[in-house]
Amino acid sequence: MRTQIESGRRSIQLLVAIFLSILPVAARRSSALASVETAAVPVDVHTNVQRLLDEEDTDGDKRITVDDDGDRRFWLVTTDGQRYEVSGTYHLSNLRQ
């Protein structure tokens, strides 16, 4: 059980690191997102990844590519209900990885 919790924490930290790396620099410096940089953002990784694939992986290959017909926008939802938009094929593909 402890290993699963630690693995889950690493997954969340990785997802947050990816998310922060794809935000525009100006947005990361805004006061609205200052708390995101200094604190972990709790997310349900499995739920968000499944939603991402359901919404954006239209050809069913478990990847987000230019061949997919999604709208190229995804709302990452935290466990406390906050929403962050991730948009563009490149950013969505990185989020999926």
C-alpha atoms as a PDB file:
ATOM      1  CA  MET A   1       0.000   0.000   0.000  1.00  0.00           C
ATOM      2  CA  ARG A   2       2.788   2.420   0.883  1.00  0.00           C
ATOM      3  CA  THR A   3       4.466   1.801  -2.480  1.00  0.00           C
ATOM      4  CA  GLN A   4       1.204   2.575  -4.285  1.00  0.00           C
ATOM      5  CA  ILE A   5       0.826   5.839  -2.369  1.00  0.00           C
ATOM      6  CA  GLU A   6       4.424   6.837  -3.099  1.00  0.00           C
ATOM      7  CA  SER A   7       3.954   5.918  -6.763  1.00  0.00           C
ATOM      8  CA  GLY A   8       0.763   7.982  -6.867  1.00  0.00           C
ATOM      9  CA  ARG A   9       2.550  10.956  -5.335  1.00  0.00           C
ATOM     10  CA  ARG A  10       5.330  10.703  -7.913  1.00  0.00           C
ATOM     11  CA  SER A  11       2.725  10.556 -10.689  1.00  0.00           C
ATOM     12  CA  ILE A  12       1.008  13.653  -9.354  1.00  0.00           C
ATOM     13  CA  GLN A  13       4.302  15.506  -8.993  1.00  0.00           C
ATOM     14  CA  LEU A  14       5.254  14.537 -12.549  1.00  0.00           C
ATOM     15  CA  LEU A  15       1.903  15.663 -13.924  1.00  0.00           C
ATOM     16  CA  VAL A  16       2.175  18.984 -12.116  1.00  0.00           C
ATOM     17  CA  ALA A  17       5.754  19.474 -13.345  1.00  0.00           C
ATOM     18  CA  ILE A  18       4.639  18.815 -16.926  1.00  0.00           C
ATOM     19  CA  PHE A  19       1.676  21.119 -16.508  1.00  0.00           C
ATOM     20  CA  LEU A  20       3.825  23.938 -15.149  1.00  0.00           C
ATOM     21  CA  SER A  21       6.390  23.470 -17.889  1.00  0.00           C
ATOM     22  CA  ILE A  22       3.801  24.007 -20.621  1.00  0.00           C
ATOM     23  CA  LEU A  23       2.243  27.158 -19.228  1.00  0.00           C
ATOM     24  CA  PRO A  24       3.381  30.331 -20.960  1.00  0.00           C
ATOM     25  CA  VAL A  25       6.060  32.099 -18.927  1.00  0.00           C
ATOM     26  CA  ALA A  26       3.890  35.196 -18.508  1.00  0.00           C
ATOM     27  CA  ALA A  27       1.040  33.104 -17.127  1.00  0.00           C
ATOM     28  CA  ARG A  28       3.322  31.331 -14.658  1.00  0.00           C
ATOM     29  CA  ARG A  29       4.434  34.678 -13.315  1.00  0.00           C
ATOM     30  CA  SER A  30       0.935  36.052 -12.887  1.00  0.00           C
ATOM     31  CA  SER A  31      -0.348  36.478  -9.367  1.00  0.00           C
ATOM     32  CA  ALA A  32      -3.293  34.211 -10.138  1.00  0.00           C
ATOM     33  CA  LEU A  33      -0.972  31.236 -10.613  1.00  0.00           C
ATOM     34  CA  ALA A  34       1.624  32.090  -7.968  1.00  0.00           C
ATOM     35  CA  SER A  35       0.236  29.510  -5.545  1.00  0.00           C
ATOM     36  CA  VAL A  36       0.438  26.825  -8.247  1.00  0.00           C
ATOM     37  CA  GLU A  37       4.202  27.276  -8.479  1.00  0.00           C
ATOM     38  CA  THR A  38       4.773  27.059  -4.748  1.00  0.00           C
ATOM     39  CA  ALA A  39       2.403  24.228  -3.849  1.00  0.00           C
ATOM     40  CA  ALA A  40       1.555  20.844  -5.280  1.00  0.00           C
ATOM     41  CA  VAL A  41      -1.684  20.738  -7.218  1.00  0.00           C
ATOM     42  CA  PRO A  42      -3.602  17.625  -6.181  1.00  0.00           C
ATOM     43  CA  VAL A  43      -5.078  15.832  -9.177  1.00  0.00           C
ATOM     44  CA  ASP A  44      -6.601  12.434  -9.818  1.00  0.00           C
ATOM     45  CA  VAL A  45      -4.130  11.289 -12.462  1.00  0.00           C
ATOM     46  CA  HIS A  46      -6.133   8.301 -13.704  1.00  0.00           C
ATOM     47  CA  THR A  47      -9.341  10.301 -14.118  1.00  0.00           C
ATOM     48  CA  ASN A  48      -7.655  13.201 -15.915  1.00  0.00           C
ATOM     49  CA  VAL A  49      -5.671  10.958 -18.270  1.00  0.00           C
ATOM     50  CA  GLN A  50      -8.791   8.941 -19.098  1.00  0.00           C
ATOM     51  CA  ARG A  51     -10.752  12.134 -19.771  1.00  0.00           C
ATOM     52  CA  LEU A  52      -7.902  13.449 -21.923  1.00  0.00           C
ATOM     53  CA  LEU A  53      -7.915  10.297 -24.048  1.00  0.00           C
ATOM     54  CA  ASP A  54     -11.726  10.225 -24.260  1.00  0.00           C
ATOM     55  CA  GLU A  55     -11.890  13.852 -25.388  1.00  0.00           C
ATOM     56  CA  GLU A  56      -8.811  14.232 -27.575  1.00  0.00           C
ATOM     57  CA  ASP A  57      -7.656  10.789 -28.791  1.00  0.00           C
ATOM     58  CA  THR A  58     -10.224  10.455 -31.565  1.00  0.00           C
ATOM     59  CA  ASP A  59      -8.384   7.733 -33.505  1.00  0.00           C
ATOM     60  CA  GLY A  60      -7.999   5.471 -30.449  1.00  0.00           C
ATOM     61  CA  ASP A  61      -4.216   4.994 -30.580  1.00  0.00           C
ATOM     62  CA  LYS A  62      -3.673   6.226 -26.975  1.00  0.00           C
ATOM     63  CA  ARG A  63      -1.657   9.194 -28.272  1.00  0.00           C
ATOM     64  CA  ILE A  64      -2.510  12.826 -28.932  1.00  0.00           C
ATOM     65  CA  THR A  65      -1.314  13.779 -32.414  1.00  0.00           C
ATOM     66  CA  VAL A  66      -2.231  16.107 -35.278  1.00  0.00           C
ATOM     67  CA  ASP A  67      -4.225  13.185 -36.710  1.00  0.00           C
ATOM     68  CA  ASP A  68      -6.753  13.452 -33.879  1.00  0.00           C
ATOM     69  CA  ASP A  69      -9.864  15.534 -34.481  1.00  0.00           C
ATOM     70  CA  GLY A  70     -10.371  16.859 -30.947  1.00  0.00           C
ATOM     71  CA  ASP A  71     -10.725  20.570 -30.271  1.00  0.00           C
ATOM     72  CA  ARG A  72      -7.148  20.679 -28.893  1.00  0.00           C
ATOM     73  CA  ARG A  73      -8.335  21.972 -25.501  1.00  0.00           C
ATOM     74  CA  PHE A  74      -8.427  20.106 -22.222  1.00  0.00           C
ATOM     75  CA  TRP A  75      -9.410  21.202 -18.741  1.00  0.00           C
ATOM     76  CA  LEU A  76      -7.175  19.651 -16.081  1.00  0.00           C
ATOM     77  CA  VAL A  77      -9.337  19.299 -12.961  1.00  0.00           C
ATOM     78  CA  THR A  78      -7.795  19.209  -9.492  1.00  0.00           C
ATOM     79  CA  THR A  79      -9.250  17.152  -6.664  1.00  0.00           C
ATOM     80  CA  ASP A  80     -10.689  20.329  -5.142  1.00  0.00           C
ATOM     81  CA  GLY A  81     -12.430  21.279  -8.402  1.00  0.00           C
ATOM     82  CA  GLN A  82     -10.089  23.945  -9.756  1.00  0.00           C
ATOM     83  CA  ARG A  83      -9.732  23.846 -13.528  1.00  0.00           C
ATOM     84  CA  TYR A  84      -6.709  24.682 -15.676  1.00  0.00           C
ATOM     85  CA  GLU A  85      -6.864  24.796 -19.456  1.00  0.00           C
ATOM     86  CA  VAL A  86      -4.185  23.048 -21.483  1.00  0.00           C
ATOM     87  CA  SER A  87      -4.426  23.670 -25.212  1.00  0.00           C
ATOM     88  CA  GLY A  88      -2.612  22.745 -28.400  1.00  0.00           C
ATOM     89  CA  THR A  89      -1.557  19.376 -29.765  1.00  0.00           C
ATOM     90  CA  TYR A  90       2.008  19.651 -28.479  1.00  0.00           C
ATOM     91  CA  HIS A  91       0.967  20.527 -24.932  1.00  0.00           C
ATOM     92  CA  LEU A  92      -1.767  17.886 -24.811  1.00  0.00           C
ATOM     93  CA  SER A  93       0.641  15.258 -26.097  1.00  0.00           C
ATOM     94  CA  ASN A  94       3.141  16.195 -23.384  1.00  0.00           C
ATOM     95  CA  LEU A  95       0.424  16.055 -20.759  1.00  0.00           C
ATOM     96  CA  ARG A  96      -0.528  12.564 -21.951  1.00  0.00           C
ATOM     97  CA  GLN A  97       3.074  11.367 -21.676  1.00  0.00           C
END
